[in-house]
Amino acid sequence: MRILEEFWYGNIEPTEYDTSSCKEYMKLLEPICRNEEKLRTTMTDEQKELFERYTDCVQEYQTITDCLMFQKSFKLGARMMAEVMED
């Protein structure tokens, strides 16, 4: 049960993942950052505040989505293991 101990003591963070090895992720990250910077340089202070509120909501939405996907994936994995253990 080593994995459960590691999880219990906080040595495993299920929402942490290494994106540096994913080429598709890195390929998309660069234009996202570049375009966001371009947008911000053309915005008024009011528009920047609105954009900030928008990105905060998107980030919160993504966090909830990630949590739901984690739960669904974990349950699926558990069901697979239960089926494998059946006679």
PDB file of N, CA and C in Angstrom:
ATOM      1  N   MET A   1       0.825  -1.202   0.000  1.00  0.00           N
ATOM      2  CA  MET A   1       0.000   0.000   0.000  1.00  0.00           C
ATOM      3  C   MET A   1       0.867   1.263   0.000  1.00  0.00           C
ATOM      4  N   ARG A   2       1.994   1.224  -0.563  1.00  0.00           N
ATOM      5  CA  ARG A   2       2.926   2.359  -0.590  1.00  0.00           C
ATOM      6  C   ARG A   2       2.303   3.589  -1.258  1.00  0.00           C
ATOM      7  N   ILE A   3       1.576   3.396  -2.320  1.00  0.00           N
ATOM      8  CA  ILE A   3       0.983   4.524  -3.043  1.00  0.00           C
ATOM      9  C   ILE A   3      -0.012   5.274  -2.170  1.00  0.00           C
ATOM     10  N   LEU A   4      -0.788   4.563  -1.346  1.00  0.00           N
ATOM     11  CA  LEU A   4      -1.743   5.214  -0.462  1.00  0.00           C
ATOM     12  C   LEU A   4      -1.027   6.022   0.619  1.00  0.00           C
ATOM     13  N   GLU A   5       0.089   5.491   1.120  1.00  0.00           N
ATOM     14  CA  GLU A   5       0.881   6.253   2.102  1.00  0.00           C
ATOM     15  C   GLU A   5       1.424   7.537   1.476  1.00  0.00           C
ATOM     16  N   GLU A   6       1.959   7.428   0.291  1.00  0.00           N
ATOM     17  CA  GLU A   6       2.499   8.603  -0.399  1.00  0.00           C
ATOM     18  C   GLU A   6       1.401   9.645  -0.621  1.00  0.00           C
ATOM     19  N   PHE A   7       0.239   9.171  -0.995  1.00  0.00           N
ATOM     20  CA  PHE A   7      -0.900  10.060  -1.206  1.00  0.00           C
ATOM     21  C   PHE A   7      -1.328  10.696   0.116  1.00  0.00           C
ATOM     22  N   TRP A   8      -1.412   9.900   1.166  1.00  0.00           N
ATOM     23  CA  TRP A   8      -1.820  10.381   2.496  1.00  0.00           C
ATOM     24  C   TRP A   8      -0.884  11.489   2.998  1.00  0.00           C
ATOM     25  N   TYR A   9       0.412  11.281   2.843  1.00  0.00           N
ATOM     26  CA  TYR A   9       1.383  12.245   3.353  1.00  0.00           C
ATOM     27  C   TYR A   9       1.619  13.424   2.404  1.00  0.00           C
ATOM     28  N   GLY A  10       0.848  13.481   1.345  1.00  0.00           N
ATOM     29  CA  GLY A  10       0.918  14.637   0.451  1.00  0.00           C
ATOM     30  C   GLY A  10       2.070  14.605  -0.526  1.00  0.00           C
ATOM     31  N   ASN A  11       2.671  13.451  -0.709  1.00  0.00           N
ATOM     32  CA  ASN A  11       3.791  13.333  -1.648  1.00  0.00           C
ATOM     33  C   ASN A  11       3.326  13.135  -3.087  1.00  0.00           C
ATOM     34  N   ILE A  12       2.051  12.874  -3.241  1.00  0.00           N
ATOM     35  CA  ILE A  12       1.465  12.733  -4.577  1.00  0.00           C
ATOM     36  C   ILE A  12       0.384  13.794  -4.706  1.00  0.00           C
ATOM     37  N   GLU A  13       0.514  14.616  -5.698  1.00  0.00           N
ATOM     38  CA  GLU A  13      -0.477  15.660  -5.954  1.00  0.00           C
ATOM     39  C   GLU A  13      -1.181  15.305  -7.257  1.00  0.00           C
ATOM     40  N   PRO A  14      -2.436  14.836  -7.169  1.00  0.00           N
ATOM     41  CA  PRO A  14      -3.117  14.358  -8.374  1.00  0.00           C
ATOM     42  C   PRO A  14      -3.349  15.425  -9.433  1.00  0.00           C
ATOM     43  N   THR A  15      -3.327  16.691  -9.060  1.00  0.00           N
ATOM     44  CA  THR A  15      -3.561  17.739 -10.058  1.00  0.00           C
ATOM     45  C   THR A  15      -2.258  18.271 -10.654  1.00  0.00           C
ATOM     46  N   GLU A  16      -1.150  17.749 -10.193  1.00  0.00           N
ATOM     47  CA  GLU A  16       0.147  18.189 -10.686  1.00  0.00           C
ATOM     48  C   GLU A  16       0.584  17.280 -11.834  1.00  0.00           C
ATOM     49  N   TYR A  17       0.931  17.876 -12.941  1.00  0.00           N
ATOM     50  CA  TYR A  17       1.423  17.073 -14.042  1.00  0.00           C
ATOM     51  C   TYR A  17       2.464  17.858 -14.807  1.00  0.00           C
ATOM     52  N   ASP A  18       3.412  17.131 -15.363  1.00  0.00           N
ATOM     53  CA  ASP A  18       4.517  17.740 -16.089  1.00  0.00           C
ATOM     54  C   ASP A  18       4.093  17.957 -17.540  1.00  0.00           C
ATOM     55  N   THR A  19       4.012  19.214 -17.929  1.00  0.00           N
ATOM     56  CA  THR A  19       3.589  19.535 -19.297  1.00  0.00           C
ATOM     57  C   THR A  19       4.772  19.755 -20.227  1.00  0.00           C
ATOM     58  N   SER A  20       5.987  19.805 -19.668  1.00  0.00           N
ATOM     59  CA  SER A  20       7.153  20.119 -20.488  1.00  0.00           C
ATOM     60  C   SER A  20       7.446  19.048 -21.543  1.00  0.00           C
ATOM     61  N   SER A  21       7.019  17.820 -21.308  1.00  0.00           N
ATOM     62  CA  SER A  21       7.293  16.759 -22.274  1.00  0.00           C
ATOM     63  C   SER A  21       6.199  16.637 -23.336  1.00  0.00           C
ATOM     64  N   CYS A  22       5.134  17.426 -23.210  1.00  0.00           N
ATOM     65  CA  CYS A  22       4.032  17.360 -24.175  1.00  0.00           C
ATOM     66  C   CYS A  22       4.247  18.428 -25.258  1.00  0.00           C
ATOM     67  N   LYS A  23       4.611  17.985 -26.435  1.00  0.00           N
ATOM     68  CA  LYS A  23       4.895  18.913 -27.535  1.00  0.00           C
ATOM     69  C   LYS A  23       3.687  19.769 -27.908  1.00  0.00           C
ATOM     70  N   GLU A  24       2.502  19.150 -27.913  1.00  0.00           N
ATOM     71  CA  GLU A  24       1.290  19.884 -28.284  1.00  0.00           C
ATOM     72  C   GLU A  24       1.004  21.007 -27.289  1.00  0.00           C
ATOM     73  N   TYR A  25       1.206  20.720 -26.018  1.00  0.00           N
ATOM     74  CA  TYR A  25       0.985  21.716 -24.970  1.00  0.00           C
ATOM     75  C   TYR A  25       1.938  22.888 -25.153  1.00  0.00           C
ATOM     76  N   MET A  26       3.207  22.592 -25.310  1.00  0.00           N
ATOM     77  CA  MET A  26       4.205  23.649 -25.456  1.00  0.00           C
ATOM     78  C   MET A  26       3.980  24.451 -26.735  1.00  0.00           C
ATOM     79  N   LYS A  27       3.537  23.779 -27.785  1.00  0.00           N
ATOM     80  CA  LYS A  27       3.284  24.454 -29.051  1.00  0.00           C
ATOM     81  C   LYS A  27       2.136  25.456 -28.910  1.00  0.00           C
ATOM     82  N   LEU A  28       1.118  25.121 -28.130  1.00  0.00           N
ATOM     83  CA  LEU A  28      -0.016  26.021 -27.929  1.00  0.00           C
ATOM     84  C   LEU A  28       0.266  27.120 -26.911  1.00  0.00           C
ATOM     85  N   LEU A  29       1.095  26.819 -25.937  1.00  0.00           N
ATOM     86  CA  LEU A  29       1.362  27.794 -24.881  1.00  0.00           C
ATOM     87  C   LEU A  29       2.024  29.066 -25.418  1.00  0.00           C
ATOM     88  N   GLU A  30       2.932  28.920 -26.334  1.00  0.00           N
ATOM     89  CA  GLU A  30       3.656  30.082 -26.871  1.00  0.00           C
ATOM     90  C   GLU A  30       2.727  31.090 -27.545  1.00  0.00           C
ATOM     91  N   PRO A  31       1.861  30.689 -28.486  1.00  0.00           N
ATOM     92  CA  PRO A  31       0.964  31.681 -29.089  1.00  0.00           C
ATOM     93  C   PRO A  31      -0.081  32.227 -28.116  1.00  0.00           C
ATOM     94  N   ILE A  32      -0.475  31.412 -27.144  1.00  0.00           N
ATOM     95  CA  ILE A  32      -1.411  31.911 -26.138  1.00  0.00           C
ATOM     96  C   ILE A  32      -0.791  33.083 -25.397  1.00  0.00           C
ATOM     97  N   CYS A  33       0.423  32.898 -24.918  1.00  0.00           N
ATOM     98  CA  CYS A  33       1.111  33.971 -24.178  1.00  0.00           C
ATOM     99  C   CYS A  33       1.380  35.180 -25.063  1.00  0.00           C
ATOM    100  N   ARG A  34       1.835  34.922 -26.275  1.00  0.00           N
ATOM    101  CA  ARG A  34       2.140  36.017 -27.205  1.00  0.00           C
ATOM    102  C   ARG A  34       0.886  36.832 -27.522  1.00  0.00           C
ATOM    103  N   ASN A  35      -0.205  36.150 -27.796  1.00  0.00           N
ATOM    104  CA  ASN A  35      -1.445  36.848 -28.142  1.00  0.00           C
ATOM    105  C   ASN A  35      -2.062  37.563 -26.947  1.00  0.00           C
ATOM    106  N   GLU A  36      -1.948  36.971 -25.775  1.00  0.00           N
ATOM    107  CA  GLU A  36      -2.446  37.657 -24.583  1.00  0.00           C
ATOM    108  C   GLU A  36      -1.676  38.955 -24.353  1.00  0.00           C
ATOM    109  N   GLU A  37      -0.382  38.903 -24.534  1.00  0.00           N
ATOM    110  CA  GLU A  37       0.431  40.117 -24.356  1.00  0.00           C
ATOM    111  C   GLU A  37       0.048  41.180 -25.383  1.00  0.00           C
ATOM    112  N   LYS A  38      -0.180  40.775 -26.619  1.00  0.00           N
ATOM    113  CA  LYS A  38      -0.617  41.719 -27.660  1.00  0.00           C
ATOM    114  C   LYS A  38      -1.952  42.352 -27.290  1.00  0.00           C
ATOM    115  N   LEU A  39      -2.870  41.518 -26.812  1.00  0.00           N
ATOM    116  CA  LEU A  39      -4.173  42.030 -26.395  1.00  0.00           C
ATOM    117  C   LEU A  39      -4.025  43.064 -25.278  1.00  0.00           C
ATOM    118  N   ARG A  40      -3.258  42.711 -24.276  1.00  0.00           N
ATOM    119  CA  ARG A  40      -3.112  43.597 -23.111  1.00  0.00           C
ATOM    120  C   ARG A  40      -2.507  44.952 -23.476  1.00  0.00           C
ATOM    121  N   THR A  41      -1.616  44.979 -24.445  1.00  0.00           N
ATOM    122  CA  THR A  41      -0.992  46.253 -24.821  1.00  0.00           C
ATOM    123  C   THR A  41      -1.962  47.192 -25.531  1.00  0.00           C
ATOM    124  N   THR A  42      -3.047  46.635 -26.057  1.00  0.00           N
ATOM    125  CA  THR A  42      -4.021  47.472 -26.764  1.00  0.00           C
ATOM    126  C   THR A  42      -5.231  47.833 -25.903  1.00  0.00           C
ATOM    127  N   MET A  43      -5.297  47.295 -24.693  1.00  0.00           N
ATOM    128  CA  MET A  43      -6.480  47.482 -23.851  1.00  0.00           C
ATOM    129  C   MET A  43      -6.397  48.719 -22.968  1.00  0.00           C
ATOM    130  N   THR A  44      -7.550  49.268 -22.712  1.00  0.00           N
ATOM    131  CA  THR A  44      -7.653  50.323 -21.707  1.00  0.00           C
ATOM    132  C   THR A  44      -7.618  49.655 -20.326  1.00  0.00           C
ATOM    133  N   ASP A  45      -7.492  50.443 -19.273  1.00  0.00           N
ATOM    134  CA  ASP A  45      -7.499  49.890 -17.921  1.00  0.00           C
ATOM    135  C   ASP A  45      -8.807  49.159 -17.630  1.00  0.00           C
ATOM    136  N   GLU A  46      -9.906  49.723 -18.090  1.00  0.00           N
ATOM    137  CA  GLU A  46     -11.215  49.095 -17.887  1.00  0.00           C
ATOM    138  C   GLU A  46     -11.292  47.745 -18.606  1.00  0.00           C
ATOM    139  N   GLN A  47     -10.774  47.692 -19.826  1.00  0.00           N
ATOM    140  CA  GLN A  47     -10.772  46.440 -20.578  1.00  0.00           C
ATOM    141  C   GLN A  47      -9.860  45.401 -19.927  1.00  0.00           C
ATOM    142  N   LYS A  48      -8.746  45.865 -19.397  1.00  0.00           N
ATOM    143  CA  LYS A  48      -7.830  44.953 -18.704  1.00  0.00           C
ATOM    144  C   LYS A  48      -8.498  44.340 -17.484  1.00  0.00           C
ATOM    145  N   GLU A  49      -9.247  45.157 -16.738  1.00  0.00           N
ATOM    146  CA  GLU A  49      -9.963  44.666 -15.562  1.00  0.00           C
ATOM    147  C   GLU A  49     -11.019  43.636 -15.972  1.00  0.00           C
ATOM    148  N   LEU A  50     -11.746  43.908 -17.034  1.00  0.00           N
ATOM    149  CA  LEU A  50     -12.752  42.982 -17.544  1.00  0.00           C
ATOM    150  C   LEU A  50     -12.089  41.676 -17.998  1.00  0.00           C
ATOM    151  N   PHE A  51     -10.990  41.797 -18.699  1.00  0.00           N
ATOM    152  CA  PHE A  51     -10.263  40.616 -19.177  1.00  0.00           C
ATOM    153  C   PHE A  51      -9.745  39.794 -17.998  1.00  0.00           C
ATOM    154  N   GLU A  52      -9.275  40.463 -16.970  1.00  0.00           N
ATOM    155  CA  GLU A  52      -8.786  39.780 -15.766  1.00  0.00           C
ATOM    156  C   GLU A  52      -9.915  38.991 -15.096  1.00  0.00           C
ATOM    157  N   ARG A  53     -11.083  39.597 -14.986  1.00  0.00           N
ATOM    158  CA  ARG A  53     -12.236  38.893 -14.404  1.00  0.00           C
ATOM    159  C   ARG A  53     -12.616  37.695 -15.273  1.00  0.00           C
ATOM    160  N   TYR A  54     -12.572  37.882 -16.578  1.00  0.00           N
ATOM    161  CA  TYR A  54     -12.865  36.793 -17.509  1.00  0.00           C
ATOM    162  C   TYR A  54     -11.877  35.634 -17.328  1.00  0.00           C
ATOM    163  N   THR A  55     -10.591  35.930 -17.310  1.00  0.00           N
ATOM    164  CA  THR A  55      -9.593  34.866 -17.181  1.00  0.00           C
ATOM    165  C   THR A  55      -9.684  34.186 -15.818  1.00  0.00           C
ATOM    166  N   ASP A  56     -10.046  34.924 -14.778  1.00  0.00           N
ATOM    167  CA  ASP A  56     -10.250  34.305 -13.460  1.00  0.00           C
ATOM    168  C   ASP A  56     -11.388  33.291 -13.512  1.00  0.00           C
ATOM    169  N   CYS A  57     -12.479  33.651 -14.173  1.00  0.00           N
ATOM    170  CA  CYS A  57     -13.618  32.735 -14.302  1.00  0.00           C
ATOM    171  C   CYS A  57     -13.239  31.505 -15.124  1.00  0.00           C
ATOM    172  N   VAL A  58     -12.513  31.708 -16.204  1.00  0.00           N
ATOM    173  CA  VAL A  58     -12.085  30.585 -17.044  1.00  0.00           C
ATOM    174  C   VAL A  58     -11.183  29.651 -16.239  1.00  0.00           C
ATOM    175  N   GLN A  59     -10.290  30.219 -15.453  1.00  0.00           N
ATOM    176  CA  GLN A  59      -9.393  29.402 -14.636  1.00  0.00           C
ATOM    177  C   GLN A  59     -10.176  28.599 -13.589  1.00  0.00           C
ATOM    178  N   GLU A  60     -11.152  29.220 -12.953  1.00  0.00           N
ATOM    179  CA  GLU A  60     -11.976  28.517 -11.968  1.00  0.00           C
ATOM    180  C   GLU A  60     -12.777  27.400 -12.642  1.00  0.00           C
ATOM    181  N   TYR A  61     -13.326  27.691 -13.815  1.00  0.00           N
ATOM    182  CA  TYR A  61     -14.068  26.692 -14.589  1.00  0.00           C
ATOM    183  C   TYR A  61     -13.163  25.508 -14.922  1.00  0.00           C
ATOM    184  N   GLN A  62     -11.940  25.797 -15.354  1.00  0.00           N
ATOM    185  CA  GLN A  62     -10.990  24.740 -15.716  1.00  0.00           C
ATOM    186  C   GLN A  62     -10.623  23.889 -14.505  1.00  0.00           C
ATOM    187  N   THR A  63     -10.480  24.519 -13.343  1.00  0.00           N
ATOM    188  CA  THR A  63     -10.170  23.782 -12.121  1.00  0.00           C
ATOM    189  C   THR A  63     -11.298  22.811 -11.778  1.00  0.00           C
ATOM    190  N   ILE A  64     -12.532  23.269 -11.886  1.00  0.00           N
ATOM    191  CA  ILE A  64     -13.685  22.412 -11.614  1.00  0.00           C
ATOM    192  C   ILE A  64     -13.740  21.270 -12.625  1.00  0.00           C
ATOM    193  N   THR A  65     -13.512  21.581 -13.891  1.00  0.00           N
ATOM    194  CA  THR A  65     -13.509  20.567 -14.941  1.00  0.00           C
ATOM    195  C   THR A  65     -12.426  19.524 -14.687  1.00  0.00           C
ATOM    196  N   ASP A  66     -11.226  19.977 -14.321  1.00  0.00           N
ATOM    197  CA  ASP A  66     -10.131  19.050 -14.025  1.00  0.00           C
ATOM    198  C   ASP A  66     -10.496  18.129 -12.866  1.00  0.00           C
ATOM    199  N   CYS A  67     -11.129  18.676 -11.835  1.00  0.00           N
ATOM    200  CA  CYS A  67     -11.544  17.885 -10.681  1.00  0.00           C
ATOM    201  C   CYS A  67     -12.567  16.826 -11.087  1.00  0.00           C
ATOM    202  N   LEU A  68     -13.543  17.215 -11.881  1.00  0.00           N
ATOM    203  CA  LEU A  68     -14.558  16.266 -12.332  1.00  0.00           C
ATOM    204  C   LEU A  68     -13.950  15.164 -13.204  1.00  0.00           C
ATOM    205  N   MET A  69     -13.027  15.532 -14.077  1.00  0.00           N
ATOM    206  CA  MET A  69     -12.360  14.536 -14.917  1.00  0.00           C
ATOM    207  C   MET A  69     -11.517  13.589 -14.066  1.00  0.00           C
ATOM    208  N   PHE A  70     -10.841  14.116 -13.046  1.00  0.00           N
ATOM    209  CA  PHE A  70     -10.049  13.279 -12.148  1.00  0.00           C
ATOM    210  C   PHE A  70     -10.943  12.268 -11.448  1.00  0.00           C
ATOM    211  N   GLN A  71     -12.078  12.745 -10.928  1.00  0.00           N
ATOM    212  CA  GLN A  71     -13.001  11.859 -10.222  1.00  0.00           C
ATOM    213  C   GLN A  71     -13.520  10.760 -11.149  1.00  0.00           C
ATOM    214  N   LYS A  72     -13.948  11.152 -12.333  1.00  0.00           N
ATOM    215  CA  LYS A  72     -14.480  10.177 -13.290  1.00  0.00           C
ATOM    216  C   LYS A  72     -13.405   9.170 -13.688  1.00  0.00           C
ATOM    217  N   SER A  73     -12.198   9.637 -13.939  1.00  0.00           N
ATOM    218  CA  SER A  73     -11.100   8.749 -14.321  1.00  0.00           C
ATOM    219  C   SER A  73     -10.735   7.800 -13.194  1.00  0.00           C
ATOM    220  N   PHE A  74     -10.715   8.315 -11.962  1.00  0.00           N
ATOM    221  CA  PHE A  74     -10.392   7.483 -10.809  1.00  0.00           C
ATOM    222  C   PHE A  74     -11.443   6.382 -10.648  1.00  0.00           C
ATOM    223  N   LYS A  75     -12.705   6.752 -10.764  1.00  0.00           N
ATOM    224  CA  LYS A  75     -13.785   5.761 -10.645  1.00  0.00           C
ATOM    225  C   LYS A  75     -13.690   4.707 -11.753  1.00  0.00           C
ATOM    226  N   LEU A  76     -13.389   5.143 -12.963  1.00  0.00           N
ATOM    227  CA  LEU A  76     -13.242   4.208 -14.067  1.00  0.00           C
ATOM    228  C   LEU A  76     -12.098   3.240 -13.798  1.00  0.00           C
ATOM    229  N   GLY A  77     -10.974   3.759 -13.326  1.00  0.00           N
ATOM    230  CA  GLY A  77      -9.832   2.906 -12.993  1.00  0.00           C
ATOM    231  C   GLY A  77     -10.177   1.915 -11.897  1.00  0.00           C
ATOM    232  N   ALA A  78     -10.922   2.360 -10.889  1.00  0.00           N
ATOM    233  CA  ALA A  78     -11.326   1.475  -9.800  1.00  0.00           C
ATOM    234  C   ALA A  78     -12.261   0.382 -10.317  1.00  0.00           C
ATOM    235  N   ARG A  79     -13.186   0.748 -11.199  1.00  0.00           N
ATOM    236  CA  ARG A  79     -14.089  -0.257 -11.768  1.00  0.00           C
ATOM    237  C   ARG A  79     -13.316  -1.270 -12.610  1.00  0.00           C
ATOM    238  N   MET A  80     -12.319  -0.794 -13.338  1.00  0.00           N
ATOM    239  CA  MET A  80     -11.489  -1.701 -14.135  1.00  0.00           C
ATOM    240  C   MET A  80     -10.752  -2.693 -13.226  1.00  0.00           C
ATOM    241  N   MET A  81     -10.184  -2.172 -12.145  1.00  0.00           N
ATOM    242  CA  MET A  81      -9.465  -3.032 -11.206  1.00  0.00           C
ATOM    243  C   MET A  81     -10.417  -4.038 -10.562  1.00  0.00           C
ATOM    244  N   ALA A  82     -11.610  -3.605 -10.193  1.00  0.00           N
ATOM    245  CA  ALA A  82     -12.590  -4.517  -9.598  1.00  0.00           C
ATOM    246  C   ALA A  82     -12.946  -5.632 -10.584  1.00  0.00           C
ATOM    247  N   GLU A  83     -13.113  -5.277 -11.854  1.00  0.00           N
ATOM    248  CA  GLU A  83     -13.444  -6.275 -12.845  1.00  0.00           C
ATOM    249  C   GLU A  83     -12.298  -7.253 -13.061  1.00  0.00           C
ATOM    250  N   VAL A  84     -11.078  -6.760 -13.053  1.00  0.00           N
ATOM    251  CA  VAL A  84      -9.907  -7.619 -13.224  1.00  0.00           C
ATOM    252  C   VAL A  84      -9.798  -8.622 -12.076  1.00  0.00           C
ATOM    253  N   MET A  85     -10.195  -8.186 -10.877  1.00  0.00           N
ATOM    254  CA  MET A  85     -10.073  -9.037  -9.697  1.00  0.00           C
ATOM    255  C   MET A  85     -11.197 -10.078  -9.599  1.00  0.00           C
ATOM    256  N   GLU A  86     -12.259  -9.936 -10.392  1.00  0.00           N
ATOM    257  CA  GLU A  86     -13.348 -10.902 -10.381  1.00  0.00           C
ATOM    258  C   GLU A  86     -12.871 -12.230 -10.952  1.00  0.00           C
ATOM    259  N   ASP A  87     -13.510 -13.295 -10.520  1.00  0.00           N
ATOM    260  CA  ASP A  87     -13.191 -14.636 -11.024  1.00  0.00           C
ATOM    261  C   ASP A  87     -13.652 -14.797 -12.438  1.00  0.00           C
TER     262      ASP A  87
END
